[in-house]
Structure formats: C-alpha cells, structure tokens
Amino acid sequence: GDLNISNAGAENAIRPFALGRKAWLFADTSQGAKASATCYSLIETAKANGLEPSAYIHHVLERIAGADTLEKLEALLPWNAELQALKKVAQYD
C-alpha cells in the first residue's frame, strides 16, 4: 500500500522536542505547553511538506490577519501548491 507501517519518521521528528522539553522555561504551564506544541507542529508540518520553516512561518504571520474566509485560511496550509516558493533546497528526510 501507500502507507508505511513504520512510525520511525514520526519518532525522529519529535525526538528534538522530547530532548529539549526540560530546558524550555516557557512550557511550565499548560498554556505554555500548548503554545510550544502548536509551534512545534507548524514547524514539523512545514518540514514534512518540504518548506523552509522560518520562511513558512513568516509567510503565514504576514497573511493570517487578512485570512477572513476558509479559502484564505486553507491557502496558508503548508501543503498548498502556491507555497512552492518556500520550498527548501535540500529535501526533508
């Protein structure tokens, strides 16, 4: 099939998060943990879609205030074809 039975990719993606969580001072509250998880999810999803994370987040932050429809919000998702300009030079492993 099309699905890999191994979750090694997912485990490798969260390894830096798991190793660093004790060192992050802002995650000592439930709100801090949620903010950390949200940021981490955005970064890893951008990487998984071949985007350079900082360029993707910059792109989203510049446009999200004006995203007043579902279509405009969906255009900001990392798998959107219009975000090809944010592709990384090296492929994500």
C-alpha atoms as a PDB file:
ATOM      1  CA  GLY A   1       0.000   0.000   0.000  1.00  0.00           C
ATOM      2  CA  ASP A   2       0.762   3.654   0.151  1.00  0.00           C
ATOM      3  CA  LEU A   3       1.246   3.794   3.914  1.00  0.00           C
ATOM      4  CA  ASN A   4       4.471   2.958   5.667  1.00  0.00           C
ATOM      5  CA  ILE A   5       3.962   0.602   8.613  1.00  0.00           C
ATOM      6  CA  SER A   6       6.898   2.143  10.458  1.00  0.00           C
ATOM      7  CA  ASN A   7       6.489   5.237  12.596  1.00  0.00           C
ATOM      8  CA  ALA A   8      10.231   5.941  12.603  1.00  0.00           C
ATOM      9  CA  GLY A   9       9.725   9.187  10.687  1.00  0.00           C
ATOM     10  CA  ALA A  10       7.287  10.498  13.285  1.00  0.00           C
ATOM     11  CA  GLU A  11       9.532   9.404  16.135  1.00  0.00           C
ATOM     12  CA  ASN A  12      12.550  11.082  14.538  1.00  0.00           C
ATOM     13  CA  ALA A  13      10.534  14.276  14.064  1.00  0.00           C
ATOM     14  CA  ILE A  14       9.613  14.525  17.755  1.00  0.00           C
ATOM     15  CA  ARG A  15      12.992  13.474  19.152  1.00  0.00           C
ATOM     16  CA  PRO A  16      14.406  17.049  19.367  1.00  0.00           C
ATOM     17  CA  PHE A  17      11.197  18.153  21.078  1.00  0.00           C
ATOM     18  CA  ALA A  18      11.392  15.323  23.609  1.00  0.00           C
ATOM     19  CA  LEU A  19      15.063  16.018  24.339  1.00  0.00           C
ATOM     20  CA  GLY A  20      14.587  19.762  24.737  1.00  0.00           C
ATOM     21  CA  ARG A  21      11.338  19.966  26.673  1.00  0.00           C
ATOM     22  CA  LYS A  22      13.020  20.041  30.099  1.00  0.00           C
ATOM     23  CA  ALA A  23      15.166  23.001  29.084  1.00  0.00           C
ATOM     24  CA  TRP A  24      12.299  25.181  27.850  1.00  0.00           C
ATOM     25  CA  LEU A  25      11.272  27.609  30.550  1.00  0.00           C
ATOM     26  CA  PHE A  26       8.061  28.796  28.880  1.00  0.00           C
ATOM     27  CA  ALA A  27       6.454  25.351  28.977  1.00  0.00           C
ATOM     28  CA  ASP A  28       5.971  25.242  32.748  1.00  0.00           C
ATOM     29  CA  THR A  29       2.229  25.934  32.396  1.00  0.00           C
ATOM     30  CA  SER A  30      -0.480  24.235  30.391  1.00  0.00           C
ATOM     31  CA  GLN A  31      -0.755  27.335  28.181  1.00  0.00           C
ATOM     32  CA  GLY A  32       2.995  27.297  27.600  1.00  0.00           C
ATOM     33  CA  ALA A  33       2.879  23.619  26.706  1.00  0.00           C
ATOM     34  CA  LYS A  34       0.024  24.214  24.245  1.00  0.00           C
ATOM     35  CA  ALA A  35       1.892  27.126  22.648  1.00  0.00           C
ATOM     36  CA  SER A  36       5.032  25.010  22.377  1.00  0.00           C
ATOM     37  CA  ALA A  37       3.118  22.111  20.828  1.00  0.00           C
ATOM     38  CA  THR A  38       1.403  24.419  18.334  1.00  0.00           C
ATOM     39  CA  CYS A  39       4.686  25.982  17.222  1.00  0.00           C
ATOM     40  CA  TYR A  40       6.400  22.623  17.006  1.00  0.00           C
ATOM     41  CA  SER A  41       3.522  21.179  14.985  1.00  0.00           C
ATOM     42  CA  LEU A  42       3.704  24.071  12.497  1.00  0.00           C
ATOM     43  CA  ILE A  43       7.455  23.710  12.098  1.00  0.00           C
ATOM     44  CA  GLU A  44       7.416  19.932  11.623  1.00  0.00           C
ATOM     45  CA  THR A  45       4.448  20.074   9.216  1.00  0.00           C
ATOM     46  CA  ALA A  46       6.286  22.689   7.156  1.00  0.00           C
ATOM     47  CA  LYS A  47       9.382  20.454   7.093  1.00  0.00           C
ATOM     48  CA  ALA A  48       7.317  17.403   6.147  1.00  0.00           C
ATOM     49  CA  ASN A  49       5.947  19.366   3.179  1.00  0.00           C
ATOM     50  CA  GLY A  50       9.434  20.405   2.045  1.00  0.00           C
ATOM     51  CA  LEU A  51       9.151  24.023   3.182  1.00  0.00           C
ATOM     52  CA  GLU A  52      11.799  26.044   4.971  1.00  0.00           C
ATOM     53  CA  PRO A  53      10.136  26.504   8.402  1.00  0.00           C
ATOM     54  CA  SER A  54      11.125  30.098   9.171  1.00  0.00           C
ATOM     55  CA  ALA A  55      10.088  31.278   5.695  1.00  0.00           C
ATOM     56  CA  TYR A  56       6.767  29.443   6.054  1.00  0.00           C
ATOM     57  CA  ILE A  57       6.007  30.914   9.487  1.00  0.00           C
ATOM     58  CA  HIS A  58       6.962  34.397   8.252  1.00  0.00           C
ATOM     59  CA  HIS A  59       4.647  33.907   5.254  1.00  0.00           C
ATOM     60  CA  VAL A  60       1.753  32.806   7.482  1.00  0.00           C
ATOM     61  CA  LEU A  61       2.199  35.580  10.050  1.00  0.00           C
ATOM     62  CA  GLU A  62       2.197  38.224   7.314  1.00  0.00           C
ATOM     63  CA  ARG A  63      -1.102  36.943   5.887  1.00  0.00           C
ATOM     64  CA  ILE A  64      -3.160  35.381   8.662  1.00  0.00           C
ATOM     65  CA  ALA A  65      -4.752  38.633   9.877  1.00  0.00           C
ATOM     66  CA  GLY A  66      -6.319  39.091   6.439  1.00  0.00           C
ATOM     67  CA  ALA A  67      -7.459  35.477   6.155  1.00  0.00           C
ATOM     68  CA  ASP A  68     -11.144  36.107   6.785  1.00  0.00           C
ATOM     69  CA  THR A  69     -12.534  33.173   4.802  1.00  0.00           C
ATOM     70  CA  LEU A  70     -11.994  29.436   4.911  1.00  0.00           C
ATOM     71  CA  GLU A  71     -10.407  29.563   1.456  1.00  0.00           C
ATOM     72  CA  LYS A  72      -7.856  32.159   2.593  1.00  0.00           C
ATOM     73  CA  LEU A  73      -7.001  30.095   5.666  1.00  0.00           C
ATOM     74  CA  GLU A  74      -6.641  26.936   3.582  1.00  0.00           C
ATOM     75  CA  ALA A  75      -4.271  28.802   1.259  1.00  0.00           C
ATOM     76  CA  LEU A  76      -1.908  29.174   4.236  1.00  0.00           C
ATOM     77  CA  LEU A  77      -1.674  25.433   4.889  1.00  0.00           C
ATOM     78  CA  PRO A  78       1.808  24.031   4.199  1.00  0.00           C
ATOM     79  CA  TRP A  79       0.661  21.551   1.551  1.00  0.00           C
ATOM     80  CA  ASN A  80      -0.861  24.301  -0.606  1.00  0.00           C
ATOM     81  CA  ALA A  81       0.617  24.285  -4.108  1.00  0.00           C
ATOM     82  CA  GLU A  82       1.022  28.083  -4.097  1.00  0.00           C
ATOM     83  CA  LEU A  83       3.668  27.824  -1.373  1.00  0.00           C
ATOM     84  CA  GLN A  84       6.221  26.253  -3.712  1.00  0.00           C
ATOM     85  CA  ALA A  85       8.383  29.394  -3.460  1.00  0.00           C
ATOM     86  CA  LEU A  86       9.076  28.468   0.158  1.00  0.00           C
ATOM     87  CA  LYS A  87      10.486  25.044  -0.746  1.00  0.00           C
ATOM     88  CA  LYS A  88      13.772  24.109   0.830  1.00  0.00           C
ATOM     89  CA  VAL A  89      16.795  23.498  -1.359  1.00  0.00           C
ATOM     90  CA  ALA A  90      17.527  20.194   0.370  1.00  0.00           C
ATOM     91  CA  GLN A  91      14.739  17.672   0.729  1.00  0.00           C
ATOM     92  CA  TYR A  92      13.409  16.868   4.212  1.00  0.00           C
ATOM     93  CA  ASP A  93      14.324  13.379   5.420  1.00  0.00           C
END
